[in-house]
Amino acid sequence: MATQKAVADHLDLSTRRVRTLIDEGVLPSQGARKPLDLDACRVAYIRYLRNLSSGSNQYPDDLVDVEPGTMDYERLRLTRAQADGQEIKNEIARGKTAPIDIIGYVLSRVSGAACGEIDALPLNIRRKHPELDSKIIEAIKSHCVKAQNAVARTDERLEEFLDEYLSDAGPD
């Protein structure tokens, strides 16, 4: 059995971080001011780190010994939701994740620029190669319009692409 300080030293953490992990239900606790099981804390912390490294924000169920519907259960659920929310904010801050609205905005800006370039393509080809037949230029225009339409539909299909990506990524 060990104190919070001993657990902190053993896991190379601050005592404040150990208290937070206990409050979040990551580390097992036997109640206020009671000794902690050093081995159980180490195993729980390793599982917690594995979960984080796998990209999962879920905590192992065997760390939680509370009855659903109780105040402790709801408090733990809220704490986990807050931790998950903070993790999402951290991922956004690191540039690893972006809200779908921002992605849609960026894609609309990029697709607008791309459509402008595609629109100018037949005219630029005509200027550089005046010897080309009008039918060739018209065929190029036709393909450019198809490309512009495909680019313009990107934002409409964004959620479909996201769902496809998530289903392909799947759990590892």
C-alpha atoms as a PDB file:
ATOM      1  CA  MET A   1       0.000   0.000   0.000  1.00  0.00           C
ATOM      2  CA  ALA A   2       1.232   3.499  -0.784  1.00  0.00           C
ATOM      3  CA  THR A   3       0.459   7.186  -0.434  1.00  0.00           C
ATOM      4  CA  GLN A   4      -0.436   9.452  -3.353  1.00  0.00           C
ATOM      5  CA  LYS A   5       3.114  10.830  -3.190  1.00  0.00           C
ATOM      6  CA  ALA A   6       4.585   7.325  -3.422  1.00  0.00           C
ATOM      7  CA  VAL A   7       2.338   6.560  -6.422  1.00  0.00           C
ATOM      8  CA  ALA A   8       3.369   9.870  -8.010  1.00  0.00           C
ATOM      9  CA  ASP A   9       7.057   9.071  -7.517  1.00  0.00           C
ATOM     10  CA  HIS A  10       6.572   5.535  -8.824  1.00  0.00           C
ATOM     11  CA  LEU A  11       4.745   6.725 -11.981  1.00  0.00           C
ATOM     12  CA  ASP A  12       6.960   9.822 -12.413  1.00  0.00           C
ATOM     13  CA  LEU A  13       3.957  12.139 -12.016  1.00  0.00           C
ATOM     14  CA  SER A  14       3.096  15.057  -9.779  1.00  0.00           C
ATOM     15  CA  THR A  15       0.860  14.408  -6.772  1.00  0.00           C
ATOM     16  CA  ARG A  16      -1.674  16.804  -8.314  1.00  0.00           C
ATOM     17  CA  ARG A  17      -1.773  14.647 -11.474  1.00  0.00           C
ATOM     18  CA  VAL A  18      -2.245  11.511  -9.371  1.00  0.00           C
ATOM     19  CA  ARG A  19      -5.176  13.182  -7.558  1.00  0.00           C
ATOM     20  CA  THR A  20      -6.684  14.162 -10.926  1.00  0.00           C
ATOM     21  CA  LEU A  21      -6.318  10.627 -12.261  1.00  0.00           C
ATOM     22  CA  ILE A  22      -7.980   9.263  -9.139  1.00  0.00           C
ATOM     23  CA  ASP A  23     -10.821  11.792  -9.471  1.00  0.00           C
ATOM     24  CA  GLU A  24     -11.265  10.838 -13.137  1.00  0.00           C
ATOM     25  CA  GLY A  25     -11.471   7.170 -12.215  1.00  0.00           C
ATOM     26  CA  VAL A  26      -8.268   6.285 -14.057  1.00  0.00           C
ATOM     27  CA  LEU A  27      -6.423   5.194 -10.921  1.00  0.00           C
ATOM     28  CA  PRO A  28      -8.193   3.035  -8.340  1.00  0.00           C
ATOM     29  CA  SER A  29      -8.888   4.616  -4.988  1.00  0.00           C
ATOM     30  CA  GLN A  30     -10.043   3.145  -1.702  1.00  0.00           C
ATOM     31  CA  GLY A  31     -11.428   6.430  -0.405  1.00  0.00           C
ATOM     32  CA  ALA A  32     -10.022   9.615   1.009  1.00  0.00           C
ATOM     33  CA  ARG A  33      -6.735   9.340   2.916  1.00  0.00           C
ATOM     34  CA  LYS A  34      -6.596   5.569   2.587  1.00  0.00           C
ATOM     35  CA  PRO A  35      -3.488   3.877   1.203  1.00  0.00           C
ATOM     36  CA  LEU A  36      -3.347   3.070  -2.501  1.00  0.00           C
ATOM     37  CA  ASP A  37      -2.332  -0.232  -4.026  1.00  0.00           C
ATOM     38  CA  LEU A  38       0.865   0.621  -5.917  1.00  0.00           C
ATOM     39  CA  ASP A  39       0.630  -2.374  -8.280  1.00  0.00           C
ATOM     40  CA  ALA A  40      -3.014  -1.678  -9.129  1.00  0.00           C
ATOM     41  CA  CYS A  41      -2.202   1.994  -9.801  1.00  0.00           C
ATOM     42  CA  ARG A  42       0.688   1.041 -12.090  1.00  0.00           C
ATOM     43  CA  VAL A  43      -1.452  -1.404 -14.093  1.00  0.00           C
ATOM     44  CA  ALA A  44      -4.316   1.092 -14.318  1.00  0.00           C
ATOM     45  CA  TYR A  45      -1.981   3.856 -15.477  1.00  0.00           C
ATOM     46  CA  ILE A  46      -0.390   1.611 -18.123  1.00  0.00           C
ATOM     47  CA  ARG A  47      -3.861   0.712 -19.434  1.00  0.00           C
ATOM     48  CA  TYR A  48      -4.781   4.388 -19.475  1.00  0.00           C
ATOM     49  CA  LEU A  49      -1.630   5.241 -21.478  1.00  0.00           C
ATOM     50  CA  ARG A  50      -2.296   2.383 -23.918  1.00  0.00           C
ATOM     51  CA  ASN A  51      -5.791   3.727 -24.446  1.00  0.00           C
ATOM     52  CA  LEU A  52      -4.432   7.195 -25.137  1.00  0.00           C
ATOM     53  CA  SER A  53      -1.796   5.914 -27.538  1.00  0.00           C
ATOM     54  CA  SER A  54      -4.362   3.877 -29.453  1.00  0.00           C
ATOM     55  CA  GLY A  55      -6.383   7.050 -30.008  1.00  0.00           C
ATOM     56  CA  SER A  56      -9.240   5.862 -27.876  1.00  0.00           C
ATOM     57  CA  ASN A  57     -10.707   8.293 -25.408  1.00  0.00           C
ATOM     58  CA  GLN A  58     -12.507   5.476 -23.634  1.00  0.00           C
ATOM     59  CA  TYR A  59     -11.295   4.259 -20.297  1.00  0.00           C
ATOM     60  CA  PRO A  60     -11.251   0.571 -19.483  1.00  0.00           C
ATOM     61  CA  ASP A  61     -14.483  -0.488 -17.795  1.00  0.00           C
ATOM     62  CA  ASP A  62     -12.689  -2.582 -15.209  1.00  0.00           C
ATOM     63  CA  LEU A  63     -11.237   0.576 -13.649  1.00  0.00           C
ATOM     64  CA  VAL A  64     -14.650   1.789 -12.639  1.00  0.00           C
ATOM     65  CA  ASP A  65     -16.504   0.145  -9.826  1.00  0.00           C
ATOM     66  CA  VAL A  66     -19.573   2.383  -9.572  1.00  0.00           C
ATOM     67  CA  GLU A  67     -23.222   1.577 -10.005  1.00  0.00           C
ATOM     68  CA  PRO A  68     -24.977   3.164 -13.031  1.00  0.00           C
ATOM     69  CA  GLY A  69     -27.493   5.811 -12.029  1.00  0.00           C
ATOM     70  CA  THR A  70     -25.687   6.817  -8.845  1.00  0.00           C
ATOM     71  CA  MET A  71     -24.216  10.264  -8.242  1.00  0.00           C
ATOM     72  CA  ASP A  72     -20.679   8.826  -8.440  1.00  0.00           C
ATOM     73  CA  TYR A  73     -21.473   7.240 -11.800  1.00  0.00           C
ATOM     74  CA  GLU A  74     -22.859  10.510 -13.186  1.00  0.00           C
ATOM     75  CA  ARG A  75     -19.890  12.445 -11.826  1.00  0.00           C
ATOM     76  CA  LEU A  76     -17.509   9.989 -13.470  1.00  0.00           C
ATOM     77  CA  ARG A  77     -19.456  10.175 -16.733  1.00  0.00           C
ATOM     78  CA  LEU A  78     -19.258  13.988 -16.670  1.00  0.00           C
ATOM     79  CA  THR A  79     -15.540  13.912 -15.860  1.00  0.00           C
ATOM     80  CA  ARG A  80     -14.879  11.564 -18.753  1.00  0.00           C
ATOM     81  CA  ALA A  81     -16.944  13.702 -21.125  1.00  0.00           C
ATOM     82  CA  GLN A  82     -14.951  16.756 -20.033  1.00  0.00           C
ATOM     83  CA  ALA A  83     -11.684  14.868 -20.538  1.00  0.00           C
ATOM     84  CA  ASP A  84     -12.806  13.729 -23.993  1.00  0.00           C
ATOM     85  CA  GLY A  85     -13.818  17.302 -24.859  1.00  0.00           C
ATOM     86  CA  GLN A  86     -10.442  18.605 -23.746  1.00  0.00           C
ATOM     87  CA  GLU A  87      -8.680  15.921 -25.771  1.00  0.00           C
ATOM     88  CA  ILE A  88     -10.602  17.033 -28.867  1.00  0.00           C
ATOM     89  CA  LYS A  89      -9.605  20.645 -28.188  1.00  0.00           C
ATOM     90  CA  ASN A  90      -5.981  19.544 -27.833  1.00  0.00           C
ATOM     91  CA  GLU A  91      -6.139  17.668 -31.149  1.00  0.00           C
ATOM     92  CA  ILE A  92      -7.564  20.787 -32.825  1.00  0.00           C
ATOM     93  CA  ALA A  93      -4.847  22.954 -31.259  1.00  0.00           C
ATOM     94  CA  ARG A  94      -2.165  20.540 -32.508  1.00  0.00           C
ATOM     95  CA  GLY A  95      -3.666  20.695 -35.995  1.00  0.00           C
ATOM     96  CA  LYS A  96      -4.446  16.970 -36.010  1.00  0.00           C
ATOM     97  CA  THR A  97      -8.230  17.444 -36.183  1.00  0.00           C
ATOM     98  CA  ALA A  98     -10.593  20.109 -37.480  1.00  0.00           C
ATOM     99  CA  PRO A  99     -14.336  20.634 -37.126  1.00  0.00           C
ATOM    100  CA  ILE A 100     -16.325  19.662 -40.227  1.00  0.00           C
ATOM    101  CA  ASP A 101     -17.478  23.285 -40.660  1.00  0.00           C
ATOM    102  CA  ILE A 102     -13.883  24.481 -40.990  1.00  0.00           C
ATOM    103  CA  ILE A 103     -13.047  21.683 -43.418  1.00  0.00           C
ATOM    104  CA  GLY A 104     -16.110  22.599 -45.498  1.00  0.00           C
ATOM    105  CA  TYR A 105     -15.083  26.260 -45.508  1.00  0.00           C
ATOM    106  CA  VAL A 106     -11.522  25.458 -46.578  1.00  0.00           C
ATOM    107  CA  LEU A 107     -12.733  23.101 -49.301  1.00  0.00           C
ATOM    108  CA  SER A 108     -15.142  25.714 -50.651  1.00  0.00           C
ATOM    109  CA  ARG A 109     -12.304  28.254 -50.846  1.00  0.00           C
ATOM    110  CA  VAL A 110      -9.981  25.761 -52.532  1.00  0.00           C
ATOM    111  CA  SER A 111     -12.656  24.555 -54.923  1.00  0.00           C
ATOM    112  CA  GLY A 112     -13.524  28.171 -55.827  1.00  0.00           C
ATOM    113  CA  ALA A 113      -9.900  28.831 -56.719  1.00  0.00           C
ATOM    114  CA  ALA A 114      -9.680  25.557 -58.659  1.00  0.00           C
ATOM    115  CA  CYS A 115     -12.869  26.350 -60.583  1.00  0.00           C
ATOM    116  CA  GLY A 116     -11.438  29.728 -61.556  1.00  0.00           C
ATOM    117  CA  GLU A 117      -8.324  28.081 -62.947  1.00  0.00           C
ATOM    118  CA  ILE A 118     -10.364  25.435 -64.771  1.00  0.00           C
ATOM    119  CA  ASP A 119     -12.623  28.128 -66.226  1.00  0.00           C
ATOM    120  CA  ALA A 120      -9.626  30.005 -67.673  1.00  0.00           C
ATOM    121  CA  LEU A 121      -8.030  26.867 -69.132  1.00  0.00           C
ATOM    122  CA  PRO A 122      -9.773  26.780 -72.586  1.00  0.00           C
ATOM    123  CA  LEU A 123      -9.072  30.476 -73.166  1.00  0.00           C
ATOM    124  CA  ASN A 124      -5.420  30.098 -72.159  1.00  0.00           C
ATOM    125  CA  ILE A 125      -5.032  27.103 -74.481  1.00  0.00           C
ATOM    126  CA  ARG A 126      -6.611  29.064 -77.352  1.00  0.00           C
ATOM    127  CA  ARG A 127      -4.198  31.976 -76.754  1.00  0.00           C
ATOM    128  CA  LYS A 128      -1.111  29.770 -76.636  1.00  0.00           C
ATOM    129  CA  HIS A 129      -2.196  27.528 -79.526  1.00  0.00           C
ATOM    130  CA  PRO A 130      -4.309  29.570 -81.990  1.00  0.00           C
ATOM    131  CA  GLU A 131      -3.812  26.856 -84.607  1.00  0.00           C
ATOM    132  CA  LEU A 132      -6.077  24.427 -82.691  1.00  0.00           C
ATOM    133  CA  ASP A 133      -9.440  23.701 -84.227  1.00  0.00           C
ATOM    134  CA  SER A 134     -12.524  25.186 -82.510  1.00  0.00           C
ATOM    135  CA  LYS A 135     -13.923  21.655 -81.990  1.00  0.00           C
ATOM    136  CA  ILE A 136     -10.886  20.775 -79.875  1.00  0.00           C
ATOM    137  CA  ILE A 137     -11.319  23.921 -77.759  1.00  0.00           C
ATOM    138  CA  GLU A 138     -15.053  23.147 -77.346  1.00  0.00           C
ATOM    139  CA  ALA A 139     -14.200  19.591 -76.225  1.00  0.00           C
ATOM    140  CA  ILE A 140     -11.749  21.028 -73.694  1.00  0.00           C
ATOM    141  CA  LYS A 141     -14.447  23.459 -72.478  1.00  0.00           C
ATOM    142  CA  SER A 142     -16.897  20.577 -72.096  1.00  0.00           C
ATOM    143  CA  HIS A 143     -14.458  18.591 -69.957  1.00  0.00           C
ATOM    144  CA  CYS A 144     -13.630  21.698 -67.927  1.00  0.00           C
ATOM    145  CA  VAL A 145     -17.316  22.231 -67.144  1.00  0.00           C
ATOM    146  CA  LYS A 146     -17.590  18.609 -65.987  1.00  0.00           C
ATOM    147  CA  ALA A 147     -14.533  19.090 -63.775  1.00  0.00           C
ATOM    148  CA  GLN A 148     -15.967  22.321 -62.329  1.00  0.00           C
ATOM    149  CA  ASN A 149     -19.248  20.591 -61.539  1.00  0.00           C
ATOM    150  CA  ALA A 150     -17.433  17.745 -59.795  1.00  0.00           C
ATOM    151  CA  VAL A 151     -15.388  20.221 -57.741  1.00  0.00           C
ATOM    152  CA  ALA A 152     -18.518  22.236 -56.893  1.00  0.00           C
ATOM    153  CA  ARG A 153     -20.260  19.106 -55.564  1.00  0.00           C
ATOM    154  CA  THR A 154     -17.412  18.364 -53.155  1.00  0.00           C
ATOM    155  CA  ASP A 155     -18.981  20.299 -50.279  1.00  0.00           C
ATOM    156  CA  GLU A 156     -22.296  18.487 -50.820  1.00  0.00           C
ATOM    157  CA  ARG A 157     -20.531  15.146 -50.498  1.00  0.00           C
ATOM    158  CA  LEU A 158     -18.236  16.111 -47.619  1.00  0.00           C
ATOM    159  CA  GLU A 159     -20.148  14.138 -44.986  1.00  0.00           C
ATOM    160  CA  GLU A 160     -20.362  11.139 -47.306  1.00  0.00           C
ATOM    161  CA  PHE A 161     -16.573  11.270 -47.793  1.00  0.00           C
ATOM    162  CA  LEU A 162     -16.081  11.613 -44.032  1.00  0.00           C
ATOM    163  CA  ASP A 163     -18.283   8.582 -43.336  1.00  0.00           C
ATOM    164  CA  GLU A 164     -16.382   6.604 -45.974  1.00  0.00           C
ATOM    165  CA  TYR A 165     -13.055   7.595 -44.441  1.00  0.00           C
ATOM    166  CA  LEU A 166     -14.187   6.656 -40.926  1.00  0.00           C
ATOM    167  CA  SER A 167     -15.540   3.289 -42.046  1.00  0.00           C
ATOM    168  CA  ASP A 168     -12.293   2.538 -43.932  1.00  0.00           C
ATOM    169  CA  ALA A 169     -10.145   3.639 -40.981  1.00  0.00           C
ATOM    170  CA  GLY A 170     -12.169   1.502 -38.590  1.00  0.00           C
ATOM    171  CA  PRO A 171     -10.892   0.326 -35.220  1.00  0.00           C
ATOM    172  CA  ASP A 172      -7.365  -1.088 -35.298  1.00  0.00           C
END
